[in-house]
């Protein structure tokens, strides 16, 4: 079972992602927030995300429907993880925050997600 450690830029927030399989893909959402921040996301179950340190350094940002919870370091501003609105019982970790991102990046399949036309925005 691979573990991936990571955190924000200043080191105040540290986390470990415990996955059953190696991370092989990441989601590139084109919503306004993900685009502006350059975020690449990997979905994780609540049990797979361990916040090692820095709970007190996290700040919450919400916009639009305020369903998603975007957590970032209030010291350096780096978006570390979120609870996405399309699956708020899970987390999505910014893979760019993983310590081994440079080694992981060449093997990642990038999966586009149309966040500009989010399914939760559609009237049913």
C-alpha atoms as a PDB file:
ATOM      1  CA  UNK A   1       0.000   0.000   0.000  1.00  0.00           C
ATOM      2  CA  UNK A   2       1.752   3.200  -1.126  1.00  0.00           C
ATOM      3  CA  UNK A   3       1.861   6.232   1.143  1.00  0.00           C
ATOM      4  CA  UNK A   4       2.359   9.732  -0.215  1.00  0.00           C
ATOM      5  CA  UNK A   5       3.505  12.549   2.052  1.00  0.00           C
ATOM      6  CA  UNK A   6       3.086  16.188   1.259  1.00  0.00           C
ATOM      7  CA  UNK A   7       2.046  19.582   2.447  1.00  0.00           C
ATOM      8  CA  UNK A   8       1.905  23.267   1.817  1.00  0.00           C
ATOM      9  CA  UNK A   9       4.799  25.503   0.736  1.00  0.00           C
ATOM     10  CA  UNK A  10       5.776  26.789   4.193  1.00  0.00           C
ATOM     11  CA  UNK A  11       5.528  23.354   5.852  1.00  0.00           C
ATOM     12  CA  UNK A  12       2.867  24.307   8.393  1.00  0.00           C
ATOM     13  CA  UNK A  13       0.415  21.779   6.922  1.00  0.00           C
ATOM     14  CA  UNK A  14       1.581  18.202   6.427  1.00  0.00           C
ATOM     15  CA  UNK A  15      -0.466  15.227   5.307  1.00  0.00           C
ATOM     16  CA  UNK A  16      -0.132  11.618   4.279  1.00  0.00           C
ATOM     17  CA  UNK A  17      -2.276   9.912   1.659  1.00  0.00           C
ATOM     18  CA  UNK A  18      -2.634   6.158   2.128  1.00  0.00           C
ATOM     19  CA  UNK A  19      -3.694   4.525  -1.152  1.00  0.00           C
ATOM     20  CA  UNK A  20      -4.354   0.878  -1.985  1.00  0.00           C
ATOM     21  CA  UNK A  21      -2.829   1.360  -5.449  1.00  0.00           C
ATOM     22  CA  UNK A  22      -0.243   3.833  -6.755  1.00  0.00           C
ATOM     23  CA  UNK A  23      -1.652   7.159  -7.925  1.00  0.00           C
ATOM     24  CA  UNK A  24      -1.878   6.894 -11.695  1.00  0.00           C
ATOM     25  CA  UNK A  25      -4.222   9.728 -12.639  1.00  0.00           C
ATOM     26  CA  UNK A  26      -5.183  13.206 -11.530  1.00  0.00           C
ATOM     27  CA  UNK A  27      -8.164  15.383 -12.343  1.00  0.00           C
ATOM     28  CA  UNK A  28      -7.617  18.772 -13.934  1.00  0.00           C
ATOM     29  CA  UNK A  29     -10.756  20.781 -13.246  1.00  0.00           C
ATOM     30  CA  UNK A  30     -11.333  23.909 -15.325  1.00  0.00           C
ATOM     31  CA  UNK A  31     -13.431  25.776 -12.743  1.00  0.00           C
ATOM     32  CA  UNK A  32     -12.285  29.284 -11.944  1.00  0.00           C
ATOM     33  CA  UNK A  33     -10.521  28.306  -8.698  1.00  0.00           C
ATOM     34  CA  UNK A  34      -8.666  25.224  -9.954  1.00  0.00           C
ATOM     35  CA  UNK A  35      -7.623  27.020 -13.141  1.00  0.00           C
ATOM     36  CA  UNK A  36      -6.253  30.064 -11.340  1.00  0.00           C
ATOM     37  CA  UNK A  37      -4.383  27.939  -8.797  1.00  0.00           C
ATOM     38  CA  UNK A  38      -3.175  25.220 -11.199  1.00  0.00           C
ATOM     39  CA  UNK A  39      -4.586  22.451  -9.027  1.00  0.00           C
ATOM     40  CA  UNK A  40      -4.409  18.766  -9.999  1.00  0.00           C
ATOM     41  CA  UNK A  41      -6.584  16.554  -7.824  1.00  0.00           C
ATOM     42  CA  UNK A  42      -6.686  12.933  -6.751  1.00  0.00           C
ATOM     43  CA  UNK A  43      -9.775  11.670  -4.949  1.00  0.00           C
ATOM     44  CA  UNK A  44      -9.261   9.944  -1.619  1.00  0.00           C
ATOM     45  CA  UNK A  45     -11.558   8.382   0.909  1.00  0.00           C
ATOM     46  CA  UNK A  46     -11.721  10.002   4.321  1.00  0.00           C
ATOM     47  CA  UNK A  47      -9.832   7.009   5.758  1.00  0.00           C
ATOM     48  CA  UNK A  48      -7.009   7.524   3.214  1.00  0.00           C
ATOM     49  CA  UNK A  49      -6.194  11.096   4.267  1.00  0.00           C
ATOM     50  CA  UNK A  50      -4.178  11.686   7.409  1.00  0.00           C
ATOM     51  CA  UNK A  51      -3.579  15.276   8.490  1.00  0.00           C
ATOM     52  CA  UNK A  52      -0.199  14.915  10.188  1.00  0.00           C
ATOM     53  CA  UNK A  53       0.139  18.527  11.333  1.00  0.00           C
ATOM     54  CA  UNK A  54      -1.249  21.977  10.793  1.00  0.00           C
ATOM     55  CA  UNK A  55      -4.979  21.787  11.462  1.00  0.00           C
ATOM     56  CA  UNK A  56      -4.695  25.216  13.087  1.00  0.00           C
ATOM     57  CA  UNK A  57      -2.949  26.575   9.954  1.00  0.00           C
ATOM     58  CA  UNK A  58      -5.816  25.596   7.648  1.00  0.00           C
ATOM     59  CA  UNK A  59      -8.337  28.102   6.435  1.00  0.00           C
ATOM     60  CA  UNK A  60     -11.558  27.368   4.581  1.00  0.00           C
ATOM     61  CA  UNK A  61     -12.616  28.987   1.312  1.00  0.00           C
ATOM     62  CA  UNK A  62     -16.041  28.496  -0.238  1.00  0.00           C
ATOM     63  CA  UNK A  63     -17.751  30.134  -3.189  1.00  0.00           C
ATOM     64  CA  UNK A  64     -20.808  29.699  -5.409  1.00  0.00           C
ATOM     65  CA  UNK A  65     -23.066  27.041  -3.899  1.00  0.00           C
ATOM     66  CA  UNK A  66     -20.744  26.797  -0.851  1.00  0.00           C
ATOM     67  CA  UNK A  67     -21.027  23.013  -1.054  1.00  0.00           C
ATOM     68  CA  UNK A  68     -17.329  22.386  -1.670  1.00  0.00           C
ATOM     69  CA  UNK A  69     -14.841  23.017   1.122  1.00  0.00           C
ATOM     70  CA  UNK A  70     -11.463  24.250  -0.131  1.00  0.00           C
ATOM     71  CA  UNK A  71      -8.763  24.010   2.544  1.00  0.00           C
ATOM     72  CA  UNK A  72      -5.588  26.058   2.189  1.00  0.00           C
ATOM     73  CA  UNK A  73      -2.716  27.117   4.423  1.00  0.00           C
ATOM     74  CA  UNK A  74      -3.434  30.537   5.890  1.00  0.00           C
ATOM     75  CA  UNK A  75       0.322  31.198   6.124  1.00  0.00           C
ATOM     76  CA  UNK A  76       1.457  30.514   2.537  1.00  0.00           C
ATOM     77  CA  UNK A  77      -1.883  30.280   0.705  1.00  0.00           C
ATOM     78  CA  UNK A  78      -1.332  26.864  -0.845  1.00  0.00           C
ATOM     79  CA  UNK A  79      -4.507  24.867  -1.578  1.00  0.00           C
ATOM     80  CA  UNK A  80      -3.737  21.457  -0.087  1.00  0.00           C
ATOM     81  CA  UNK A  81      -7.043  19.568  -0.284  1.00  0.00           C
ATOM     82  CA  UNK A  82     -10.786  19.950  -0.539  1.00  0.00           C
ATOM     83  CA  UNK A  83     -14.118  18.242  -0.168  1.00  0.00           C
ATOM     84  CA  UNK A  84     -15.528  18.496  -3.695  1.00  0.00           C
ATOM     85  CA  UNK A  85     -19.166  19.350  -4.199  1.00  0.00           C
ATOM     86  CA  UNK A  86     -19.744  16.433  -6.580  1.00  0.00           C
ATOM     87  CA  UNK A  87     -18.667  14.009  -3.814  1.00  0.00           C
ATOM     88  CA  UNK A  88     -18.532  15.878  -0.467  1.00  0.00           C
ATOM     89  CA  UNK A  89     -18.096  12.724   1.616  1.00  0.00           C
ATOM     90  CA  UNK A  90     -14.622  12.267   0.077  1.00  0.00           C
ATOM     91  CA  UNK A  91     -11.543  14.444  -0.146  1.00  0.00           C
ATOM     92  CA  UNK A  92      -9.535  15.532  -3.150  1.00  0.00           C
ATOM     93  CA  UNK A  93      -5.838  16.185  -2.542  1.00  0.00           C
ATOM     94  CA  UNK A  94      -3.787  18.559  -4.678  1.00  0.00           C
ATOM     95  CA  UNK A  95      -1.163  16.152  -6.057  1.00  0.00           C
ATOM     96  CA  UNK A  96       1.139  19.123  -6.699  1.00  0.00           C
ATOM     97  CA  UNK A  97       1.481  19.287  -2.902  1.00  0.00           C
ATOM     98  CA  UNK A  98       2.895  15.766  -2.674  1.00  0.00           C
ATOM     99  CA  UNK A  99       6.614  15.620  -1.912  1.00  0.00           C
ATOM    100  CA  UNK A 100       7.227  13.209  -4.811  1.00  0.00           C
ATOM    101  CA  UNK A 101       5.164  15.143  -7.375  1.00  0.00           C
ATOM    102  CA  UNK A 102       8.132  15.697  -9.721  1.00  0.00           C
ATOM    103  CA  UNK A 103       8.729  11.940  -9.918  1.00  0.00           C
ATOM    104  CA  UNK A 104       5.021  11.133 -10.048  1.00  0.00           C
ATOM    105  CA  UNK A 105       4.086  13.693 -12.739  1.00  0.00           C
ATOM    106  CA  UNK A 106       5.526  11.870 -15.798  1.00  0.00           C
ATOM    107  CA  UNK A 107       3.435   8.782 -14.981  1.00  0.00           C
ATOM    108  CA  UNK A 108       0.129  10.592 -14.356  1.00  0.00           C
ATOM    109  CA  UNK A 109      -2.770  10.441 -16.735  1.00  0.00           C
ATOM    110  CA  UNK A 110      -4.457  13.842 -16.575  1.00  0.00           C
ATOM    111  CA  UNK A 111      -8.241  13.548 -16.688  1.00  0.00           C
ATOM    112  CA  UNK A 112     -10.107  16.741 -17.615  1.00  0.00           C
ATOM    113  CA  UNK A 113     -13.189  17.735 -15.602  1.00  0.00           C
ATOM    114  CA  UNK A 114     -15.632  20.363 -16.836  1.00  0.00           C
ATOM    115  CA  UNK A 115     -15.944  22.444 -13.683  1.00  0.00           C
ATOM    116  CA  UNK A 116     -17.171  25.442 -15.675  1.00  0.00           C
ATOM    117  CA  UNK A 117     -20.325  23.447 -16.423  1.00  0.00           C
ATOM    118  CA  UNK A 118     -20.482  21.497 -13.180  1.00  0.00           C
ATOM    119  CA  UNK A 119     -23.179  18.778 -13.044  1.00  0.00           C
ATOM    120  CA  UNK A 120     -24.478  20.292  -9.770  1.00  0.00           C
ATOM    121  CA  UNK A 121     -25.165  23.545 -11.644  1.00  0.00           C
ATOM    122  CA  UNK A 122     -27.542  21.863 -14.104  1.00  0.00           C
ATOM    123  CA  UNK A 123     -31.244  22.068 -13.491  1.00  0.00           C
ATOM    124  CA  UNK A 124     -32.729  18.587 -13.548  1.00  0.00           C
END
